[in-house]
Amino acid sequence: MDSHARLTTDRAARYMAQLGKHWSHKFPVLLGEADCEIDLPIGRCVMRADREGLDVTATADTPEGLSKLEDVIASHLARFAFHEGVATLSWTRAWPAGSIDLSRMRGDASAR
């Protein structure tokens, strides 16, 4: 399962490098000038920095793992970007095809 967030900032490369270096002491990290890949026990974090912001993709095997990974990434980035008033990130999930029960989402009585 994947989830994506975007942090709009002109310091994207700086925050990405901070997070990569912070976690490189414990986890495998590939850090470039504009991208970073971090393999954590609960999943994977991939970041891409550009002039307007930082794109962050979190990947985990379960919805619970993905929620935890989103929280861990967001809390670290919020600490690095505290002077910008970043409180949290808004995550958008990508659900695998066929994994959503649309009848339950619509509240169909037949799905209960």
PDB file of N, CA and C in Angstrom:
ATOM      1  N   MET A   1       0.835  -1.160   0.000  1.00  0.00           N
ATOM      2  CA  MET A   1       0.000   0.000   0.000  1.00  0.00           C
ATOM      3  C   MET A   1       0.892   1.239   0.000  1.00  0.00           C
ATOM      4  N   ASP A   2       0.436   2.241  -0.748  1.00  0.00           N
ATOM      5  CA  ASP A   2       1.193   3.482  -0.858  1.00  0.00           C
ATOM      6  C   ASP A   2       0.371   4.665  -0.390  1.00  0.00           C
ATOM      7  N   SER A   3       1.085   5.690   0.043  1.00  0.00           N
ATOM      8  CA  SER A   3       0.468   6.940   0.453  1.00  0.00           C
ATOM      9  C   SER A   3       1.408   8.067   0.039  1.00  0.00           C
ATOM     10  N   HIS A   4       0.826   9.215  -0.318  1.00  0.00           N
ATOM     11  CA  HIS A   4       1.635  10.334  -0.788  1.00  0.00           C
ATOM     12  C   HIS A   4       1.255  11.614  -0.052  1.00  0.00           C
ATOM     13  N   ALA A   5       2.272  12.441   0.208  1.00  0.00           N
ATOM     14  CA  ALA A   5       2.049  13.760   0.795  1.00  0.00           C
ATOM     15  C   ALA A   5       3.008  14.742   0.138  1.00  0.00           C
ATOM     16  N   ARG A   6       2.625  16.005   0.142  1.00  0.00           N
ATOM     17  CA  ARG A   6       3.486  17.060  -0.404  1.00  0.00           C
ATOM     18  C   ARG A   6       3.619  18.156   0.643  1.00  0.00           C
ATOM     19  N   LEU A   7       4.858  18.519   0.915  1.00  0.00           N
ATOM     20  CA  LEU A   7       5.163  19.623   1.812  1.00  0.00           C
ATOM     21  C   LEU A   7       5.637  20.777   0.945  1.00  0.00           C
ATOM     22  N   THR A   8       4.848  21.843   0.906  1.00  0.00           N
ATOM     23  CA  THR A   8       5.212  23.006   0.108  1.00  0.00           C
ATOM     24  C   THR A   8       6.199  23.854   0.904  1.00  0.00           C
ATOM     25  N   THR A   9       7.406  23.961   0.382  1.00  0.00           N
ATOM     26  CA  THR A   9       8.474  24.690   1.062  1.00  0.00           C
ATOM     27  C   THR A   9       9.614  24.957   0.093  1.00  0.00           C
ATOM     28  N   ASP A  10      10.352  26.018   0.331  1.00  0.00           N
ATOM     29  CA  ASP A  10      11.541  26.271  -0.487  1.00  0.00           C
ATOM     30  C   ASP A  10      12.781  25.612   0.151  1.00  0.00           C
ATOM     31  N   ARG A  11      12.575  24.860   1.214  1.00  0.00           N
ATOM     32  CA  ARG A  11      13.660  24.154   1.908  1.00  0.00           C
ATOM     33  C   ARG A  11      13.529  22.636   1.767  1.00  0.00           C
ATOM     34  N   ALA A  12      12.922  22.187   0.714  1.00  0.00           N
ATOM     35  CA  ALA A  12      12.641  20.758   0.537  1.00  0.00           C
ATOM     36  C   ALA A  12      13.897  19.899   0.586  1.00  0.00           C
ATOM     37  N   ALA A  13      14.921  20.286  -0.144  1.00  0.00           N
ATOM     38  CA  ALA A  13      16.148  19.491  -0.173  1.00  0.00           C
ATOM     39  C   ALA A  13      16.793  19.427   1.212  1.00  0.00           C
ATOM     40  N   ARG A  14      16.711  20.514   1.936  1.00  0.00           N
ATOM     41  CA  ARG A  14      17.283  20.564   3.288  1.00  0.00           C
ATOM     42  C   ARG A  14      16.568  19.591   4.216  1.00  0.00           C
ATOM     43  N   TYR A  15      15.226  19.616   4.224  1.00  0.00           N
ATOM     44  CA  TYR A  15      14.468  18.729   5.098  1.00  0.00           C
ATOM     45  C   TYR A  15      14.656  17.266   4.713  1.00  0.00           C
ATOM     46  N   MET A  16      14.695  17.012   3.410  1.00  0.00           N
ATOM     47  CA  MET A  16      14.901  15.659   2.924  1.00  0.00           C
ATOM     48  C   MET A  16      16.257  15.140   3.399  1.00  0.00           C
ATOM     49  N   ALA A  17      17.298  15.956   3.263  1.00  0.00           N
ATOM     50  CA  ALA A  17      18.636  15.551   3.688  1.00  0.00           C
ATOM     51  C   ALA A  17      18.697  15.353   5.200  1.00  0.00           C
ATOM     52  N   GLN A  18      18.025  16.217   5.961  1.00  0.00           N
ATOM     53  CA  GLN A  18      17.998  16.062   7.417  1.00  0.00           C
ATOM     54  C   GLN A  18      17.389  14.731   7.815  1.00  0.00           C
ATOM     55  N   LEU A  19      16.254  14.402   7.201  1.00  0.00           N
ATOM     56  CA  LEU A  19      15.590  13.154   7.544  1.00  0.00           C
ATOM     57  C   LEU A  19      16.435  11.957   7.117  1.00  0.00           C
ATOM     58  N   GLY A  20      17.000  12.020   5.923  1.00  0.00           N
ATOM     59  CA  GLY A  20      17.854  10.933   5.454  1.00  0.00           C
ATOM     60  C   GLY A  20      19.059  10.718   6.351  1.00  0.00           C
ATOM     61  N   LYS A  21      19.741  11.793   6.718  1.00  0.00           N
ATOM     62  CA  LYS A  21      20.917  11.682   7.592  1.00  0.00           C
ATOM     63  C   LYS A  21      20.523  11.223   8.997  1.00  0.00           C
ATOM     64  N   HIS A  22      19.403  11.709   9.482  1.00  0.00           N
ATOM     65  CA  HIS A  22      18.917  11.311  10.810  1.00  0.00           C
ATOM     66  C   HIS A  22      18.695   9.802  10.881  1.00  0.00           C
ATOM     67  N   TRP A  23      18.040   9.255   9.857  1.00  0.00           N
ATOM     68  CA  TRP A  23      17.734   7.834   9.873  1.00  0.00           C
ATOM     69  C   TRP A  23      18.873   6.953   9.359  1.00  0.00           C
ATOM     70  N   SER A  24      19.896   7.538   8.746  1.00  0.00           N
ATOM     71  CA  SER A  24      20.988   6.726   8.190  1.00  0.00           C
ATOM     72  C   SER A  24      21.799   6.020   9.276  1.00  0.00           C
ATOM     73  N   HIS A  25      21.662   6.459  10.511  1.00  0.00           N
ATOM     74  CA  HIS A  25      22.376   5.816  11.613  1.00  0.00           C
ATOM     75  C   HIS A  25      21.733   4.495  12.027  1.00  0.00           C
ATOM     76  N   LYS A  26      20.463   4.305  11.624  1.00  0.00           N
ATOM     77  CA  LYS A  26      19.743   3.097  12.019  1.00  0.00           C
ATOM     78  C   LYS A  26      19.258   2.252  10.853  1.00  0.00           C
ATOM     79  N   PHE A  27      19.020   2.900   9.691  1.00  0.00           N
ATOM     80  CA  PHE A  27      18.367   2.227   8.576  1.00  0.00           C
ATOM     81  C   PHE A  27      19.129   2.465   7.280  1.00  0.00           C
ATOM     82  N   PRO A  28      18.945   1.575   6.271  1.00  0.00           N
ATOM     83  CA  PRO A  28      19.563   1.806   4.969  1.00  0.00           C
ATOM     84  C   PRO A  28      18.953   3.045   4.297  1.00  0.00           C
ATOM     85  N   VAL A  29      19.816   3.956   3.861  1.00  0.00           N
ATOM     86  CA  VAL A  29      19.378   5.205   3.236  1.00  0.00           C
ATOM     87  C   VAL A  29      20.197   5.453   1.980  1.00  0.00           C
ATOM     88  N   LEU A  30      19.505   5.788   0.882  1.00  0.00           N
ATOM     89  CA  LEU A  30      20.156   6.260  -0.336  1.00  0.00           C
ATOM     90  C   LEU A  30      19.782   7.725  -0.479  1.00  0.00           C
ATOM     91  N   LEU A  31      20.770   8.611  -0.348  1.00  0.00           N
ATOM     92  CA  LEU A  31      20.506  10.044  -0.353  1.00  0.00           C
ATOM     93  C   LEU A  31      21.222  10.705  -1.520  1.00  0.00           C
ATOM     94  N   GLY A  32      20.426  11.332  -2.406  1.00  0.00           N
ATOM     95  CA  GLY A  32      20.973  12.096  -3.510  1.00  0.00           C
ATOM     96  C   GLY A  32      20.686  13.575  -3.301  1.00  0.00           C
ATOM     97  N   GLU A  33      20.974  14.392  -4.298  1.00  0.00           N
ATOM     98  CA  GLU A  33      20.732  15.826  -4.177  1.00  0.00           C
ATOM     99  C   GLU A  33      19.250  16.160  -4.189  1.00  0.00           C
ATOM    100  N   ALA A  34      18.469  15.399  -4.945  1.00  0.00           N
ATOM    101  CA  ALA A  34      17.043  15.710  -5.070  1.00  0.00           C
ATOM    102  C   ALA A  34      16.139  14.537  -4.714  1.00  0.00           C
ATOM    103  N   ASP A  35      16.713  13.442  -4.234  1.00  0.00           N
ATOM    104  CA  ASP A  35      15.881  12.300  -3.873  1.00  0.00           C
ATOM    105  C   ASP A  35      16.517  11.521  -2.727  1.00  0.00           C
ATOM    106  N   CYS A  36      15.663  10.774  -2.050  1.00  0.00           N
ATOM    107  CA  CYS A  36      16.113   9.991  -0.909  1.00  0.00           C
ATOM    108  C   CYS A  36      15.209   8.778  -0.772  1.00  0.00           C
ATOM    109  N   GLU A  37      15.802   7.631  -0.478  1.00  0.00           N
ATOM    110  CA  GLU A  37      15.056   6.401  -0.243  1.00  0.00           C
ATOM    111  C   GLU A  37      15.504   5.827   1.097  1.00  0.00           C
ATOM    112  N   ILE A  38      14.531   5.533   1.951  1.00  0.00           N
ATOM    113  CA  ILE A  38      14.828   5.033   3.295  1.00  0.00           C
ATOM    114  C   ILE A  38      14.034   3.752   3.518  1.00  0.00           C
ATOM    115  N   ASP A  39      14.738   2.679   3.869  1.00  0.00           N
ATOM    116  CA  ASP A  39      14.093   1.406   4.188  1.00  0.00           C
ATOM    117  C   ASP A  39      14.017   1.259   5.698  1.00  0.00           C
ATOM    118  N   LEU A  40      12.791   1.330   6.211  1.00  0.00           N
ATOM    119  CA  LEU A  40      12.545   1.191   7.642  1.00  0.00           C
ATOM    120  C   LEU A  40      11.931  -0.179   7.908  1.00  0.00           C
ATOM    121  N   PRO A  41      11.972  -0.661   9.134  1.00  0.00           N
ATOM    122  CA  PRO A  41      11.367  -1.968   9.430  1.00  0.00           C
ATOM    123  C   PRO A  41       9.870  -2.025   9.114  1.00  0.00           C
ATOM    124  N   ILE A  42       9.164  -0.898   9.210  1.00  0.00           N
ATOM    125  CA  ILE A  42       7.716  -0.908   8.966  1.00  0.00           C
ATOM    126  C   ILE A  42       7.342  -0.538   7.538  1.00  0.00           C
ATOM    127  N   GLY A  43       8.329  -0.160   6.726  1.00  0.00           N
ATOM    128  CA  GLY A  43       8.021   0.198   5.348  1.00  0.00           C
ATOM    129  C   GLY A  43       9.128   1.020   4.711  1.00  0.00           C
ATOM    130  N   ARG A  44       8.757   1.696   3.644  1.00  0.00           N
ATOM    131  CA  ARG A  44       9.733   2.439   2.839  1.00  0.00           C
ATOM    132  C   ARG A  44       9.262   3.873   2.669  1.00  0.00           C
ATOM    133  N   CYS A  45      10.212   4.794   2.712  1.00  0.00           N
ATOM    134  CA  CYS A  45       9.944   6.216   2.493  1.00  0.00           C
ATOM    135  C   CYS A  45      10.782   6.682   1.312  1.00  0.00           C
ATOM    136  N   VAL A  46      10.116   7.265   0.319  1.00  0.00           N
ATOM    137  CA  VAL A  46      10.811   7.815  -0.847  1.00  0.00           C
ATOM    138  C   VAL A  46      10.453   9.293  -0.931  1.00  0.00           C
ATOM    139  N   MET A  47      11.473  10.145  -1.056  1.00  0.00           N
ATOM    140  CA  MET A  47      11.254  11.589  -1.130  1.00  0.00           C
ATOM    141  C   MET A  47      11.918  12.161  -2.376  1.00  0.00           C
ATOM    142  N   ARG A  48      11.257  13.152  -2.970  1.00  0.00           N
ATOM    143  CA  ARG A  48      11.785  13.886  -4.118  1.00  0.00           C
ATOM    144  C   ARG A  48      11.622  15.368  -3.827  1.00  0.00           C
ATOM    145  N   ALA A  49      12.715  16.104  -3.896  1.00  0.00           N
ATOM    146  CA  ALA A  49      12.691  17.540  -3.615  1.00  0.00           C
ATOM    147  C   ALA A  49      12.758  18.329  -4.913  1.00  0.00           C
ATOM    148  N   ASP A  50      11.988  19.419  -4.966  1.00  0.00           N
ATOM    149  CA  ASP A  50      12.103  20.369  -6.066  1.00  0.00           C
ATOM    150  C   ASP A  50      12.074  21.774  -5.472  1.00  0.00           C
ATOM    151  N   ARG A  51      12.076  22.785  -6.313  1.00  0.00           N
ATOM    152  CA  ARG A  51      12.148  24.171  -5.817  1.00  0.00           C
ATOM    153  C   ARG A  51      10.926  24.593  -5.021  1.00  0.00           C
ATOM    154  N   GLU A  52       9.775  23.960  -5.269  1.00  0.00           N
ATOM    155  CA  GLU A  52       8.544  24.364  -4.594  1.00  0.00           C
ATOM    156  C   GLU A  52       8.146  23.470  -3.430  1.00  0.00           C
ATOM    157  N   GLY A  53       8.779  22.303  -3.295  1.00  0.00           N
ATOM    158  CA  GLY A  53       8.354  21.438  -2.201  1.00  0.00           C
ATOM    159  C   GLY A  53       8.975  20.058  -2.203  1.00  0.00           C
ATOM    160  N   LEU A  54       8.477  19.263  -1.282  1.00  0.00           N
ATOM    161  CA  LEU A  54       8.966  17.910  -1.066  1.00  0.00           C
ATOM    162  C   LEU A  54       7.821  16.925  -1.244  1.00  0.00           C
ATOM    163  N   ASP A  55       7.988  15.993  -2.173  1.00  0.00           N
ATOM    164  CA  ASP A  55       7.032  14.904  -2.353  1.00  0.00           C
ATOM    165  C   ASP A  55       7.510  13.713  -1.531  1.00  0.00           C
ATOM    166  N   VAL A  56       6.599  13.133  -0.781  1.00  0.00           N
ATOM    167  CA  VAL A  56       6.925  12.008   0.093  1.00  0.00           C
ATOM    168  C   VAL A  56       5.968  10.862  -0.212  1.00  0.00           C
ATOM    169  N   THR A  57       6.530   9.691  -0.468  1.00  0.00           N
ATOM    170  CA  THR A  57       5.725   8.491  -0.668  1.00  0.00           C
ATOM    171  C   THR A  57       6.106   7.473   0.396  1.00  0.00           C
ATOM    172  N   ALA A  58       5.094   6.980   1.094  1.00  0.00           N
ATOM    173  CA  ALA A  58       5.277   5.944   2.109  1.00  0.00           C
ATOM    174  C   ALA A  58       4.689   4.651   1.576  1.00  0.00           C
ATOM    175  N   THR A  59       5.366   3.547   1.812  1.00  0.00           N
ATOM    176  CA  THR A  59       4.904   2.236   1.366  1.00  0.00           C
ATOM    177  C   THR A  59       5.014   1.245   2.521  1.00  0.00           C
ATOM    178  N   ALA A  60       3.930   0.519   2.772  1.00  0.00           N
ATOM    179  CA  ALA A  60       3.912  -0.509   3.817  1.00  0.00           C
ATOM    180  C   ALA A  60       3.009  -1.646   3.363  1.00  0.00           C
ATOM    181  N   ASP A  61       3.126  -2.774   4.050  1.00  0.00           N
ATOM    182  CA  ASP A  61       2.355  -3.968   3.671  1.00  0.00           C
ATOM    183  C   ASP A  61       0.909  -3.949   4.154  1.00  0.00           C
ATOM    184  N   THR A  62       0.636  -3.249   5.247  1.00  0.00           N
ATOM    185  CA  THR A  62      -0.708  -3.259   5.830  1.00  0.00           C
ATOM    186  C   THR A  62      -1.203  -1.828   6.047  1.00  0.00           C
ATOM    187  N   PRO A  63      -2.516  -1.639   6.137  1.00  0.00           N
ATOM    188  CA  PRO A  63      -3.041  -0.303   6.440  1.00  0.00           C
ATOM    189  C   PRO A  63      -2.536   0.223   7.784  1.00  0.00           C
ATOM    190  N   GLU A  64      -2.404  -0.659   8.759  1.00  0.00           N
ATOM    191  CA  GLU A  64      -1.910  -0.252  10.075  1.00  0.00           C
ATOM    192  C   GLU A  64      -0.455   0.193   9.995  1.00  0.00           C
ATOM    193  N   GLY A  65       0.342  -0.585   9.275  1.00  0.00           N
ATOM    194  CA  GLY A  65       1.753  -0.233   9.088  1.00  0.00           C
ATOM    195  C   GLY A  65       1.909   1.076   8.347  1.00  0.00           C
ATOM    196  N   LEU A  66       1.048   1.288   7.350  1.00  0.00           N
ATOM    197  CA  LEU A  66       1.107   2.526   6.582  1.00  0.00           C
ATOM    198  C   LEU A  66       0.733   3.724   7.453  1.00  0.00           C
ATOM    199  N   SER A  67      -0.271   3.579   8.289  1.00  0.00           N
ATOM    200  CA  SER A  67      -0.658   4.664   9.205  1.00  0.00           C
ATOM    201  C   SER A  67       0.490   5.017  10.146  1.00  0.00           C
ATOM    202  N   LYS A  68       1.132   3.996  10.680  1.00  0.00           N
ATOM    203  CA  LYS A  68       2.257   4.232  11.587  1.00  0.00           C
ATOM    204  C   LYS A  68       3.409   4.916  10.860  1.00  0.00           C
ATOM    205  N   LEU A  69       3.710   4.463   9.646  1.00  0.00           N
ATOM    206  CA  LEU A  69       4.793   5.051   8.865  1.00  0.00           C
ATOM    207  C   LEU A  69       4.489   6.512   8.516  1.00  0.00           C
ATOM    208  N   GLU A  70       3.247   6.788   8.123  1.00  0.00           N
ATOM    209  CA  GLU A  70       2.839   8.172   7.843  1.00  0.00           C
ATOM    210  C   GLU A  70       3.077   9.053   9.063  1.00  0.00           C
ATOM    211  N   ASP A  71       2.680   8.568  10.224  1.00  0.00           N
ATOM    212  CA  ASP A  71       2.844   9.342  11.463  1.00  0.00           C
ATOM    213  C   ASP A  71       4.312   9.596  11.791  1.00  0.00           C
ATOM    214  N   VAL A  72       5.139   8.578  11.632  1.00  0.00           N
ATOM    215  CA  VAL A  72       6.564   8.711  11.938  1.00  0.00           C
ATOM    216  C   VAL A  72       7.228   9.716  10.996  1.00  0.00           C
ATOM    217  N   ILE A  73       6.950   9.598   9.715  1.00  0.00           N
ATOM    218  CA  ILE A  73       7.536  10.520   8.731  1.00  0.00           C
ATOM    219  C   ILE A  73       7.059  11.944   9.006  1.00  0.00           C
ATOM    220  N   ALA A  74       5.752  12.111   9.182  1.00  0.00           N
ATOM    221  CA  ALA A  74       5.181  13.445   9.386  1.00  0.00           C
ATOM    222  C   ALA A  74       5.717  14.100  10.650  1.00  0.00           C
ATOM    223  N   SER A  75       5.840  13.342  11.728  1.00  0.00           N
ATOM    224  CA  SER A  75       6.315  13.940  12.979  1.00  0.00           C
ATOM    225  C   SER A  75       7.764  14.397  12.853  1.00  0.00           C
ATOM    226  N   HIS A  76       8.581  13.633  12.157  1.00  0.00           N
ATOM    227  CA  HIS A  76       9.970  14.044  11.960  1.00  0.00           C
ATOM    228  C   HIS A  76      10.063  15.289  11.074  1.00  0.00           C
ATOM    229  N   LEU A  77       9.323  15.301   9.963  1.00  0.00           N
ATOM    230  CA  LEU A  77       9.362  16.471   9.089  1.00  0.00           C
ATOM    231  C   LEU A  77       8.812  17.712   9.790  1.00  0.00           C
ATOM    232  N   ALA A  78       7.788  17.539  10.622  1.00  0.00           N
ATOM    233  CA  ALA A  78       7.232  18.673  11.366  1.00  0.00           C
ATOM    234  C   ALA A  78       8.276  19.257  12.319  1.00  0.00           C
ATOM    235  N   ARG A  79       9.086  18.408  12.925  1.00  0.00           N
ATOM    236  CA  ARG A  79      10.158  18.909  13.805  1.00  0.00           C
ATOM    237  C   ARG A  79      11.205  19.682  13.013  1.00  0.00           C
ATOM    238  N   PHE A  80      11.559  19.175  11.839  1.00  0.00           N
ATOM    239  CA  PHE A  80      12.567  19.864  11.032  1.00  0.00           C
ATOM    240  C   PHE A  80      12.034  21.177  10.486  1.00  0.00           C
ATOM    241  N   ALA A  81      10.733  21.233  10.202  1.00  0.00           N
ATOM    242  CA  ALA A  81      10.125  22.419   9.576  1.00  0.00           C
ATOM    243  C   ALA A  81       9.305  23.229  10.582  1.00  0.00           C
ATOM    244  N   PHE A  82       9.659  23.162  11.856  1.00  0.00           N
ATOM    245  CA  PHE A  82       8.854  23.820  12.894  1.00  0.00           C
ATOM    246  C   PHE A  82       8.723  25.315  12.670  1.00  0.00           C
ATOM    247  N   HIS A  83       9.765  25.961  12.158  1.00  0.00           N
ATOM    248  CA  HIS A  83       9.706  27.416  11.963  1.00  0.00           C
ATOM    249  C   HIS A  83       8.777  27.824  10.823  1.00  0.00           C
ATOM    250  N   GLU A  84       8.353  26.851  10.014  1.00  0.00           N
ATOM    251  CA  GLU A  84       7.396  27.127   8.944  1.00  0.00           C
ATOM    252  C   GLU A  84       5.966  26.844   9.394  1.00  0.00           C
ATOM    253  N   GLY A  85       5.801  26.408  10.623  1.00  0.00           N
ATOM    254  CA  GLY A  85       4.466  26.144  11.135  1.00  0.00           C
ATOM    255  C   GLY A  85       3.844  24.862  10.603  1.00  0.00           C
ATOM    256  N   VAL A  86       4.660  23.920  10.181  1.00  0.00           N
ATOM    257  CA  VAL A  86       4.147  22.644   9.680  1.00  0.00           C
ATOM    258  C   VAL A  86       3.713  21.806  10.876  1.00  0.00           C
ATOM    259  N   ALA A  87       2.444  21.522  10.953  1.00  0.00           N
ATOM    260  CA  ALA A  87       1.917  20.729  12.063  1.00  0.00           C
ATOM    261  C   ALA A  87       1.754  19.268  11.666  1.00  0.00           C
ATOM    262  N   THR A  88       1.349  19.029  10.428  1.00  0.00           N
ATOM    263  CA  THR A  88       1.121  17.668   9.951  1.00  0.00           C
ATOM    264  C   THR A  88       1.172  17.660   8.423  1.00  0.00           C
ATOM    265  N   LEU A  89       1.132  16.488   7.864  1.00  0.00           N
ATOM    266  CA  LEU A  89       1.054  16.336   6.415  1.00  0.00           C
ATOM    267  C   LEU A  89      -0.300  15.729   6.070  1.00  0.00           C
ATOM    268  N   SER A  90      -0.825  16.079   4.915  1.00  0.00           N
ATOM    269  CA  SER A  90      -2.065  15.480   4.425  1.00  0.00           C
ATOM    270  C   SER A  90      -1.699  14.355   3.470  1.00  0.00           C
ATOM    271  N   TRP A  91      -2.024  13.151   3.863  1.00  0.00           N
ATOM    272  CA  TRP A  91      -1.674  11.972   3.073  1.00  0.00           C
ATOM    273  C   TRP A  91      -2.828  11.567   2.168  1.00  0.00           C
ATOM    274  N   THR A  92      -2.482  11.114   0.976  1.00  0.00           N
ATOM    275  CA  THR A  92      -3.444  10.573   0.022  1.00  0.00           C
ATOM    276  C   THR A  92      -3.029   9.133  -0.254  1.00  0.00           C
ATOM    277  N   ARG A  93      -3.930   8.221   0.009  1.00  0.00           N
ATOM    278  CA  ARG A  93      -3.608   6.808  -0.166  1.00  0.00           C
ATOM    279  C   ARG A  93      -3.947   6.307  -1.557  1.00  0.00           C
ATOM    280  N   ALA A  94      -3.108   5.422  -2.033  1.00  0.00           N
ATOM    281  CA  ALA A  94      -3.360   4.719  -3.294  1.00  0.00           C
ATOM    282  C   ALA A  94      -3.734   3.287  -2.922  1.00  0.00           C
ATOM    283  N   TRP A  95      -4.979   2.941  -3.159  1.00  0.00           N
ATOM    284  CA  TRP A  95      -5.456   1.602  -2.817  1.00  0.00           C
ATOM    285  C   TRP A  95      -5.290   0.665  -4.006  1.00  0.00           C
ATOM    286  N   PRO A  96      -4.800  -0.551  -3.773  1.00  0.00           N
ATOM    287  CA  PRO A  96      -4.674  -1.516  -4.862  1.00  0.00           C
ATOM    288  C   PRO A  96      -6.043  -1.816  -5.483  1.00  0.00           C
ATOM    289  N   ALA A  97      -6.060  -1.994  -6.784  1.00  0.00           N
ATOM    290  CA  ALA A  97      -7.306  -2.296  -7.488  1.00  0.00           C
ATOM    291  C   ALA A  97      -7.970  -3.517  -6.871  1.00  0.00           C
ATOM    292  N   GLY A  98      -9.280  -3.415  -6.666  1.00  0.00           N
ATOM    293  CA  GLY A  98     -10.047  -4.521  -6.127  1.00  0.00           C
ATOM    294  C   GLY A  98     -10.045  -4.623  -4.619  1.00  0.00           C
ATOM    295  N   SER A  99      -9.331  -3.735  -3.933  1.00  0.00           N
ATOM    296  CA  SER A  99      -9.255  -3.853  -2.476  1.00  0.00           C
ATOM    297  C   SER A  99     -10.313  -3.033  -1.747  1.00  0.00           C
ATOM    298  N   ILE A 100     -11.092  -2.256  -2.467  1.00  0.00           N
ATOM    299  CA  ILE A 100     -12.118  -1.416  -1.850  1.00  0.00           C
ATOM    300  C   ILE A 100     -13.488  -2.016  -2.135  1.00  0.00           C
ATOM    301  N   ASP A 101     -14.278  -2.167  -1.090  1.00  0.00           N
ATOM    302  CA  ASP A 101     -15.642  -2.663  -1.230  1.00  0.00           C
ATOM    303  C   ASP A 101     -16.557  -1.445  -1.408  1.00  0.00           C
ATOM    304  N   LEU A 102     -16.845  -1.107  -2.661  1.00  0.00           N
ATOM    305  CA  LEU A 102     -17.622   0.091  -2.958  1.00  0.00           C
ATOM    306  C   LEU A 102     -19.028   0.044  -2.383  1.00  0.00           C
ATOM    307  N   SER A 103     -19.631  -1.145  -2.298  1.00  0.00           N
ATOM    308  CA  SER A 103     -20.977  -1.231  -1.746  1.00  0.00           C
ATOM    309  C   SER A 103     -20.975  -0.826  -0.273  1.00  0.00           C
ATOM    310  N   ARG A 104     -19.944  -1.158   0.460  1.00  0.00           N
ATOM    311  CA  ARG A 104     -19.847  -0.751   1.871  1.00  0.00           C
ATOM    312  C   ARG A 104     -19.612   0.748   1.983  1.00  0.00           C
ATOM    313  N   MET A 105     -18.826   1.307   1.064  1.00  0.00           N
ATOM    314  CA  MET A 105     -18.564   2.735   1.095  1.00  0.00           C
ATOM    315  C   MET A 105     -19.832   3.533   0.830  1.00  0.00           C
ATOM    316  N   ARG A 106     -20.700   2.992  -0.046  1.00  0.00           N
ATOM    317  CA  ARG A 106     -21.945   3.671  -0.375  1.00  0.00           C
ATOM    318  C   ARG A 106     -23.012   3.448   0.692  1.00  0.00           C
ATOM    319  N   GLY A 107     -22.759   2.479   1.584  1.00  0.00           N
ATOM    320  CA  GLY A 107     -23.730   2.190   2.627  1.00  0.00           C
ATOM    321  C   GLY A 107     -24.875   1.310   2.160  1.00  0.00           C
ATOM    322  N   ASP A 108     -24.653   0.519   1.078  1.00  0.00           N
ATOM    323  CA  ASP A 108     -25.699  -0.368   0.593  1.00  0.00           C
ATOM    324  C   ASP A 108     -26.098  -1.369   1.673  1.00  0.00           C
ATOM    325  N   ALA A 109     -27.384  -1.491   1.900  1.00  0.00           N
ATOM    326  CA  ALA A 109     -27.907  -2.410   2.915  1.00  0.00           C
ATOM    327  C   ALA A 109     -27.566  -3.859   2.586  1.00  0.00           C
ATOM    328  N   SER A 110     -27.458  -4.184   1.312  1.00  0.00           N
ATOM    329  CA  SER A 110     -27.174  -5.565   0.912  1.00  0.00           C
ATOM    330  C   SER A 110     -25.754  -5.983   1.279  1.00  0.00           C
ATOM    331  N   ALA A 111     -24.865  -5.024   1.553  1.00  0.00           N
ATOM    332  CA  ALA A 111     -23.480  -5.346   1.862  1.00  0.00           C
ATOM    333  C   ALA A 111     -23.305  -5.716   3.325  1.00  0.00           C
ATOM    334  N   ARG A 112     -24.325  -5.555   4.131  1.00  0.00           N
ATOM    335  CA  ARG A 112     -24.196  -5.813   5.585  1.00  0.00           C
ATOM    336  C   ARG A 112     -24.558  -7.193   5.953  1.00  0.00           C
TER     337      ARG A 112
END
